[in-house]
Amino acid sequence: MDKIIEILSGIKSGVDFANEEQIVTGGVLDSIDITEFITALEEEFDIEIGMEYMENENFDSVSAIWDMVEELQEA
């Protein structure tokens, strides 16, 4: 999960991503940030995030993002 926080902090500094529970729904990241983040996730973890995963709840917290990444790595 540290790598996810590192990626997020590189996109938007000054946010406590470890404790943020509304990264998307709270407007912490805008659509351009989200696109950049998804690309970075796919490259870092060698995964492909399909449209079926493009739901706010998959991106609103670091733990939700980590759960999604783990699921995609097992697929």
PDB file of N, CA and C in Angstrom:
ATOM      1  N   MET A   1       0.813  -1.199   0.000  1.00  0.00           N
ATOM      2  CA  MET A   1       0.000   0.000   0.000  1.00  0.00           C
ATOM      3  C   MET A   1       0.856   1.263   0.000  1.00  0.00           C
ATOM      4  N   ASP A   2       2.074   1.156   0.484  1.00  0.00           N
ATOM      5  CA  ASP A   2       2.962   2.324   0.504  1.00  0.00           C
ATOM      6  C   ASP A   2       3.214   2.854  -0.903  1.00  0.00           C
ATOM      7  N   LYS A   3       3.334   1.952  -1.863  1.00  0.00           N
ATOM      8  CA  LYS A   3       3.581   2.374  -3.243  1.00  0.00           C
ATOM      9  C   LYS A   3       2.386   3.159  -3.789  1.00  0.00           C
ATOM     10  N   ILE A   4       1.180   2.750  -3.416  1.00  0.00           N
ATOM     11  CA  ILE A   4      -0.018   3.471  -3.850  1.00  0.00           C
ATOM     12  C   ILE A   4      -0.011   4.883  -3.273  1.00  0.00           C
ATOM     13  N   ILE A   5       0.329   5.000  -2.006  1.00  0.00           N
ATOM     14  CA  ILE A   5       0.408   6.328  -1.369  1.00  0.00           C
ATOM     15  C   ILE A   5       1.488   7.167  -2.047  1.00  0.00           C
ATOM     16  N   GLU A   6       2.607   6.544  -2.372  1.00  0.00           N
ATOM     17  CA  GLU A   6       3.696   7.248  -3.051  1.00  0.00           C
ATOM     18  C   GLU A   6       3.240   7.780  -4.415  1.00  0.00           C
ATOM     19  N   ILE A   7       2.533   6.961  -5.176  1.00  0.00           N
ATOM     20  CA  ILE A   7       2.028   7.384  -6.491  1.00  0.00           C
ATOM     21  C   ILE A   7       1.043   8.539  -6.330  1.00  0.00           C
ATOM     22  N   LEU A   8       0.095   8.378  -5.401  1.00  0.00           N
ATOM     23  CA  LEU A   8      -0.904   9.429  -5.176  1.00  0.00           C
ATOM     24  C   LEU A   8      -0.244  10.737  -4.745  1.00  0.00           C
ATOM     25  N   SER A   9       0.728  10.649  -3.855  1.00  0.00           N
ATOM     26  CA  SER A   9       1.416  11.847  -3.369  1.00  0.00           C
ATOM     27  C   SER A   9       2.213  12.525  -4.477  1.00  0.00           C
ATOM     28  N   GLY A  10       2.681  11.748  -5.436  1.00  0.00           N
ATOM     29  CA  GLY A  10       3.381  12.315  -6.574  1.00  0.00           C
ATOM     30  C   GLY A  10       2.450  13.075  -7.504  1.00  0.00           C
ATOM     31  N   ILE A  11       1.192  12.682  -7.510  1.00  0.00           N
ATOM     32  CA  ILE A  11       0.200  13.353  -8.353  1.00  0.00           C
ATOM     33  C   ILE A  11      -0.355  14.596  -7.651  1.00  0.00           C
ATOM     34  N   LYS A  12      -0.593  14.459  -6.346  1.00  0.00           N
ATOM     35  CA  LYS A  12      -1.171  15.571  -5.585  1.00  0.00           C
ATOM     36  C   LYS A  12      -0.531  15.577  -4.203  1.00  0.00           C
ATOM     37  N   SER A  13       0.320  16.547  -3.958  1.00  0.00           N
ATOM     38  CA  SER A  13       1.013  16.611  -2.674  1.00  0.00           C
ATOM     39  C   SER A  13       0.148  17.305  -1.618  1.00  0.00           C
ATOM     40  N   GLY A  14       0.519  17.097  -0.379  1.00  0.00           N
ATOM     41  CA  GLY A  14      -0.151  17.762   0.724  1.00  0.00           C
ATOM     42  C   GLY A  14      -1.441  17.110   1.185  1.00  0.00           C
ATOM     43  N   VAL A  15      -1.715  15.900   0.726  1.00  0.00           N
ATOM     44  CA  VAL A  15      -2.924  15.174   1.122  1.00  0.00           C
ATOM     45  C   VAL A  15      -2.518  13.958   1.932  1.00  0.00           C
ATOM     46  N   ASP A  16      -3.224  13.702   3.022  1.00  0.00           N
ATOM     47  CA  ASP A  16      -2.975  12.515   3.843  1.00  0.00           C
ATOM     48  C   ASP A  16      -3.732  11.334   3.244  1.00  0.00           C
ATOM     49  N   PHE A  17      -3.176  10.778   2.175  1.00  0.00           N
ATOM     50  CA  PHE A  17      -3.865   9.706   1.466  1.00  0.00           C
ATOM     51  C   PHE A  17      -4.058   8.460   2.317  1.00  0.00           C
ATOM     52  N   ALA A  18      -3.203   8.236   3.292  1.00  0.00           N
ATOM     53  CA  ALA A  18      -3.327   7.056   4.149  1.00  0.00           C
ATOM     54  C   ALA A  18      -4.646   7.061   4.913  1.00  0.00           C
ATOM     55  N   ASN A  19      -5.161   8.243   5.199  1.00  0.00           N
ATOM     56  CA  ASN A  19      -6.402   8.350   5.978  1.00  0.00           C
ATOM     57  C   ASN A  19      -7.569   8.930   5.196  1.00  0.00           C
ATOM     58  N   GLU A  20      -7.369   9.276   3.948  1.00  0.00           N
ATOM     59  CA  GLU A  20      -8.435   9.860   3.128  1.00  0.00           C
ATOM     60  C   GLU A  20      -9.414   8.772   2.698  1.00  0.00           C
ATOM     61  N   GLU A  21     -10.687   9.026   2.887  1.00  0.00           N
ATOM     62  CA  GLU A  21     -11.727   8.041   2.552  1.00  0.00           C
ATOM     63  C   GLU A  21     -12.596   8.473   1.372  1.00  0.00           C
ATOM     64  N   GLN A  22     -12.312   9.650   0.801  1.00  0.00           N
ATOM     65  CA  GLN A  22     -13.106  10.146  -0.327  1.00  0.00           C
ATOM     66  C   GLN A  22     -12.197  10.774  -1.384  1.00  0.00           C
ATOM     67  N   ILE A  23     -11.257   9.992  -1.847  1.00  0.00           N
ATOM     68  CA  ILE A  23     -10.280  10.490  -2.815  1.00  0.00           C
ATOM     69  C   ILE A  23     -10.974  10.965  -4.089  1.00  0.00           C
ATOM     70  N   VAL A  24     -11.949  10.208  -4.553  1.00  0.00           N
ATOM     71  CA  VAL A  24     -12.659  10.567  -5.778  1.00  0.00           C
ATOM     72  C   VAL A  24     -13.927  11.347  -5.461  1.00  0.00           C
ATOM     73  N   THR A  25     -14.781  10.781  -4.621  1.00  0.00           N
ATOM     74  CA  THR A  25     -16.071  11.426  -4.355  1.00  0.00           C
ATOM     75  C   THR A  25     -15.918  12.742  -3.609  1.00  0.00           C
ATOM     76  N   GLY A  26     -14.811  12.920  -2.910  1.00  0.00           N
ATOM     77  CA  GLY A  26     -14.569  14.177  -2.207  1.00  0.00           C
ATOM     78  C   GLY A  26     -13.843  15.208  -3.052  1.00  0.00           C
ATOM     79  N   GLY A  27     -13.518  14.847  -4.287  1.00  0.00           N
ATOM     80  CA  GLY A  27     -12.879  15.782  -5.196  1.00  0.00           C
ATOM     81  C   GLY A  27     -11.404  16.032  -4.930  1.00  0.00           C
ATOM     82  N   VAL A  28     -10.763  15.132  -4.189  1.00  0.00           N
ATOM     83  CA  VAL A  28      -9.328  15.284  -3.924  1.00  0.00           C
ATOM     84  C   VAL A  28      -8.549  15.206  -5.236  1.00  0.00           C
ATOM     85  N   LEU A  29      -8.928  14.264  -6.092  1.00  0.00           N
ATOM     86  CA  LEU A  29      -8.331  14.144  -7.422  1.00  0.00           C
ATOM     87  C   LEU A  29      -9.361  14.539  -8.468  1.00  0.00           C
ATOM     88  N   ASP A  30      -8.927  15.282  -9.476  1.00  0.00           N
ATOM     89  CA  ASP A  30      -9.836  15.598 -10.580  1.00  0.00           C
ATOM     90  C   ASP A  30      -9.678  14.536 -11.669  1.00  0.00           C
ATOM     91  N   SER A  31     -10.421  14.660 -12.741  1.00  0.00           N
ATOM     92  CA  SER A  31     -10.433  13.612 -13.765  1.00  0.00           C
ATOM     93  C   SER A  31      -9.060  13.415 -14.417  1.00  0.00           C
ATOM     94  N   ILE A  32      -8.311  14.493 -14.595  1.00  0.00           N
ATOM     95  CA  ILE A  32      -6.963  14.368 -15.168  1.00  0.00           C
ATOM     96  C   ILE A  32      -6.044  13.629 -14.195  1.00  0.00           C
ATOM     97  N   ASP A  33      -6.144  13.968 -12.909  1.00  0.00           N
ATOM     98  CA  ASP A  33      -5.353  13.269 -11.883  1.00  0.00           C
ATOM     99  C   ASP A  33      -5.690  11.783 -11.858  1.00  0.00           C
ATOM    100  N   ILE A  34      -6.957  11.470 -11.950  1.00  0.00           N
ATOM    101  CA  ILE A  34      -7.400  10.069 -11.895  1.00  0.00           C
ATOM    102  C   ILE A  34      -6.843   9.295 -13.086  1.00  0.00           C
ATOM    103  N   THR A  35      -6.890   9.900 -14.259  1.00  0.00           N
ATOM    104  CA  THR A  35      -6.344   9.247 -15.453  1.00  0.00           C
ATOM    105  C   THR A  35      -4.853   8.973 -15.282  1.00  0.00           C
ATOM    106  N   GLU A  36      -4.124   9.955 -14.777  1.00  0.00           N
ATOM    107  CA  GLU A  36      -2.689   9.793 -14.527  1.00  0.00           C
ATOM    108  C   GLU A  36      -2.437   8.693 -13.493  1.00  0.00           C
ATOM    109  N   PHE A  37      -3.265   8.667 -12.457  1.00  0.00           N
ATOM    110  CA  PHE A  37      -3.116   7.673 -11.398  1.00  0.00           C
ATOM    111  C   PHE A  37      -3.375   6.260 -11.917  1.00  0.00           C
ATOM    112  N   ILE A  38      -4.414   6.083 -12.707  1.00  0.00           N
ATOM    113  CA  ILE A  38      -4.737   4.766 -13.249  1.00  0.00           C
ATOM    114  C   ILE A  38      -3.594   4.261 -14.122  1.00  0.00           C
ATOM    115  N   THR A  39      -3.052   5.137 -14.953  1.00  0.00           N
ATOM    116  CA  THR A  39      -1.920   4.760 -15.802  1.00  0.00           C
ATOM    117  C   THR A  39      -0.724   4.334 -14.948  1.00  0.00           C
ATOM    118  N   ALA A  40      -0.439   5.099 -13.903  1.00  0.00           N
ATOM    119  CA  ALA A  40       0.685   4.773 -13.017  1.00  0.00           C
ATOM    120  C   ALA A  40       0.456   3.442 -12.303  1.00  0.00           C
ATOM    121  N   LEU A  41      -0.769   3.198 -11.853  1.00  0.00           N
ATOM    122  CA  LEU A  41      -1.091   1.919 -11.195  1.00  0.00           C
ATOM    123  C   LEU A  41      -0.866   0.746 -12.144  1.00  0.00           C
ATOM    124  N   GLU A  42      -1.376   0.887 -13.365  1.00  0.00           N
ATOM    125  CA  GLU A  42      -1.244  -0.198 -14.334  1.00  0.00           C
ATOM    126  C   GLU A  42       0.226  -0.493 -14.622  1.00  0.00           C
ATOM    127  N   GLU A  43       1.031   0.547 -14.740  1.00  0.00           N
ATOM    128  CA  GLU A  43       2.454   0.344 -15.014  1.00  0.00           C
ATOM    129  C   GLU A  43       3.190  -0.235 -13.814  1.00  0.00           C
ATOM    130  N   GLU A  44       2.928   0.293 -12.637  1.00  0.00           N
ATOM    131  CA  GLU A  44       3.631  -0.146 -11.429  1.00  0.00           C
ATOM    132  C   GLU A  44       3.332  -1.594 -11.062  1.00  0.00           C
ATOM    133  N   PHE A  45       2.064  -1.978 -11.167  1.00  0.00           N
ATOM    134  CA  PHE A  45       1.650  -3.305 -10.715  1.00  0.00           C
ATOM    135  C   PHE A  45       1.417  -4.294 -11.853  1.00  0.00           C
ATOM    136  N   ASP A  46       1.709  -3.876 -13.096  1.00  0.00           N
ATOM    137  CA  ASP A  46       1.549  -4.738 -14.267  1.00  0.00           C
ATOM    138  C   ASP A  46       0.146  -5.335 -14.324  1.00  0.00           C
ATOM    139  N   ILE A  47      -0.839  -4.442 -14.273  1.00  0.00           N
ATOM    140  CA  ILE A  47      -2.245  -4.843 -14.326  1.00  0.00           C
ATOM    141  C   ILE A  47      -2.945  -4.020 -15.395  1.00  0.00           C
ATOM    142  N   GLU A  48      -4.146  -4.443 -15.745  1.00  0.00           N
ATOM    143  CA  GLU A  48      -5.001  -3.660 -16.631  1.00  0.00           C
ATOM    144  C   GLU A  48      -6.324  -3.452 -15.907  1.00  0.00           C
ATOM    145  N   ILE A  49      -6.666  -2.195 -15.692  1.00  0.00           N
ATOM    146  CA  ILE A  49      -7.898  -1.862 -14.975  1.00  0.00           C
ATOM    147  C   ILE A  49      -8.989  -1.659 -16.011  1.00  0.00           C
ATOM    148  N   GLY A  50      -9.867  -2.649 -16.122  1.00  0.00           N
ATOM    149  CA  GLY A  50     -10.952  -2.604 -17.101  1.00  0.00           C
ATOM    150  C   GLY A  50     -12.094  -1.702 -16.652  1.00  0.00           C
ATOM    151  N   MET A  51     -12.986  -1.440 -17.575  1.00  0.00           N
ATOM    152  CA  MET A  51     -14.122  -0.557 -17.296  1.00  0.00           C
ATOM    153  C   MET A  51     -14.964  -1.036 -16.118  1.00  0.00           C
ATOM    154  N   GLU A  52     -15.023  -2.342 -15.901  1.00  0.00           N
ATOM    155  CA  GLU A  52     -15.841  -2.869 -14.806  1.00  0.00           C
ATOM    156  C   GLU A  52     -15.315  -2.437 -13.432  1.00  0.00           C
ATOM    157  N   TYR A  53     -14.072  -1.969 -13.378  1.00  0.00           N
ATOM    158  CA  TYR A  53     -13.486  -1.506 -12.118  1.00  0.00           C
ATOM    159  C   TYR A  53     -13.556   0.009 -11.953  1.00  0.00           C
ATOM    160  N   MET A  54     -14.039   0.705 -12.970  1.00  0.00           N
ATOM    161  CA  MET A  54     -14.085   2.166 -12.936  1.00  0.00           C
ATOM    162  C   MET A  54     -15.308   2.656 -12.145  1.00  0.00           C
ATOM    163  N   GLU A  55     -15.273   2.377 -10.865  1.00  0.00           N
ATOM    164  CA  GLU A  55     -16.337   2.805  -9.954  1.00  0.00           C
ATOM    165  C   GLU A  55     -15.696   3.546  -8.792  1.00  0.00           C
ATOM    166  N   ASN A  56     -16.365   4.585  -8.323  1.00  0.00           N
ATOM    167  CA  ASN A  56     -15.807   5.425  -7.263  1.00  0.00           C
ATOM    168  C   ASN A  56     -15.324   4.629  -6.064  1.00  0.00           C
ATOM    169  N   GLU A  57     -16.082   3.615  -5.659  1.00  0.00           N
ATOM    170  CA  GLU A  57     -15.703   2.881  -4.446  1.00  0.00           C
ATOM    171  C   GLU A  57     -14.371   2.155  -4.583  1.00  0.00           C
ATOM    172  N   ASN A  58     -13.929   1.890  -5.802  1.00  0.00           N
ATOM    173  CA  ASN A  58     -12.630   1.253  -6.007  1.00  0.00           C
ATOM    174  C   ASN A  58     -11.464   2.229  -5.873  1.00  0.00           C
ATOM    175  N   PHE A  59     -11.750   3.529  -5.862  1.00  0.00           N
ATOM    176  CA  PHE A  59     -10.698   4.541  -5.859  1.00  0.00           C
ATOM    177  C   PHE A  59     -10.814   5.552  -4.728  1.00  0.00           C
ATOM    178  N   ASP A  60     -11.753   5.362  -3.796  1.00  0.00           N
ATOM    179  CA  ASP A  60     -11.982   6.368  -2.762  1.00  0.00           C
ATOM    180  C   ASP A  60     -11.033   6.278  -1.571  1.00  0.00           C
ATOM    181  N   SER A  61     -10.353   5.161  -1.401  1.00  0.00           N
ATOM    182  CA  SER A  61      -9.392   5.035  -0.299  1.00  0.00           C
ATOM    183  C   SER A  61      -8.236   4.149  -0.743  1.00  0.00           C
ATOM    184  N   VAL A  62      -7.119   4.295  -0.071  1.00  0.00           N
ATOM    185  CA  VAL A  62      -5.947   3.485  -0.401  1.00  0.00           C
ATOM    186  C   VAL A  62      -6.252   2.001  -0.202  1.00  0.00           C
ATOM    187  N   SER A  63      -6.993   1.672   0.844  1.00  0.00           N
ATOM    188  CA  SER A  63      -7.305   0.253   1.082  1.00  0.00           C
ATOM    189  C   SER A  63      -8.197  -0.309  -0.025  1.00  0.00           C
ATOM    190  N   ALA A  64      -9.138   0.473  -0.525  1.00  0.00           N
ATOM    191  CA  ALA A  64      -9.989   0.010  -1.626  1.00  0.00           C
ATOM    192  C   ALA A  64      -9.166  -0.165  -2.900  1.00  0.00           C
ATOM    193  N   ILE A  65      -8.255   0.765  -3.145  1.00  0.00           N
ATOM    194  CA  ILE A  65      -7.388   0.668  -4.317  1.00  0.00           C
ATOM    195  C   ILE A  65      -6.515  -0.584  -4.204  1.00  0.00           C
ATOM    196  N   TRP A  66      -5.953  -0.811  -3.021  1.00  0.00           N
ATOM    197  CA  TRP A  66      -5.104  -1.986  -2.803  1.00  0.00           C
ATOM    198  C   TRP A  66      -5.886  -3.281  -3.022  1.00  0.00           C
ATOM    199  N   ASP A  67      -7.110  -3.335  -2.519  1.00  0.00           N
ATOM    200  CA  ASP A  67      -7.956  -4.522  -2.719  1.00  0.00           C
ATOM    201  C   ASP A  67      -8.166  -4.781  -4.205  1.00  0.00           C
ATOM    202  N   MET A  68      -8.430  -3.729  -4.958  1.00  0.00           N
ATOM    203  CA  MET A  68      -8.642  -3.866  -6.396  1.00  0.00           C
ATOM    204  C   MET A  68      -7.353  -4.357  -7.070  1.00  0.00           C
ATOM    205  N   VAL A  69      -6.230  -3.772  -6.718  1.00  0.00           N
ATOM    206  CA  VAL A  69      -4.944  -4.169  -7.306  1.00  0.00           C
ATOM    207  C   VAL A  69      -4.666  -5.654  -7.027  1.00  0.00           C
ATOM    208  N   GLU A  70      -4.869  -6.072  -5.798  1.00  0.00           N
ATOM    209  CA  GLU A  70      -4.636  -7.485  -5.446  1.00  0.00           C
ATOM    210  C   GLU A  70      -5.536  -8.402  -6.257  1.00  0.00           C
ATOM    211  N   GLU A  71      -6.799  -8.024  -6.397  1.00  0.00           N
ATOM    212  CA  GLU A  71      -7.748  -8.824  -7.164  1.00  0.00           C
ATOM    213  C   GLU A  71      -7.303  -8.944  -8.622  1.00  0.00           C
ATOM    214  N   LEU A  72      -6.852  -7.831  -9.194  1.00  0.00           N
ATOM    215  CA  LEU A  72      -6.408  -7.841 -10.579  1.00  0.00           C
ATOM    216  C   LEU A  72      -5.108  -8.626 -10.755  1.00  0.00           C
ATOM    217  N   GLN A  73      -4.249  -8.614  -9.777  1.00  0.00           N
ATOM    218  CA  GLN A  73      -3.002  -9.375  -9.879  1.00  0.00           C
ATOM    219  C   GLN A  73      -3.262 -10.872  -9.808  1.00  0.00           C
ATOM    220  N   GLU A  74      -4.313 -11.264  -9.118  1.00  0.00           N
ATOM    221  CA  GLU A  74      -4.644 -12.693  -8.994  1.00  0.00           C
ATOM    222  C   GLU A  74      -5.369 -13.218 -10.211  1.00  0.00           C
ATOM    223  N   ALA A  75      -5.927 -12.323 -11.011  1.00  0.00           N
ATOM    224  CA  ALA A  75      -6.737 -12.744 -12.171  1.00  0.00           C
ATOM    225  C   ALA A  75      -5.873 -13.323 -13.276  1.00  0.00           C
TER     226      ALA A  75
END
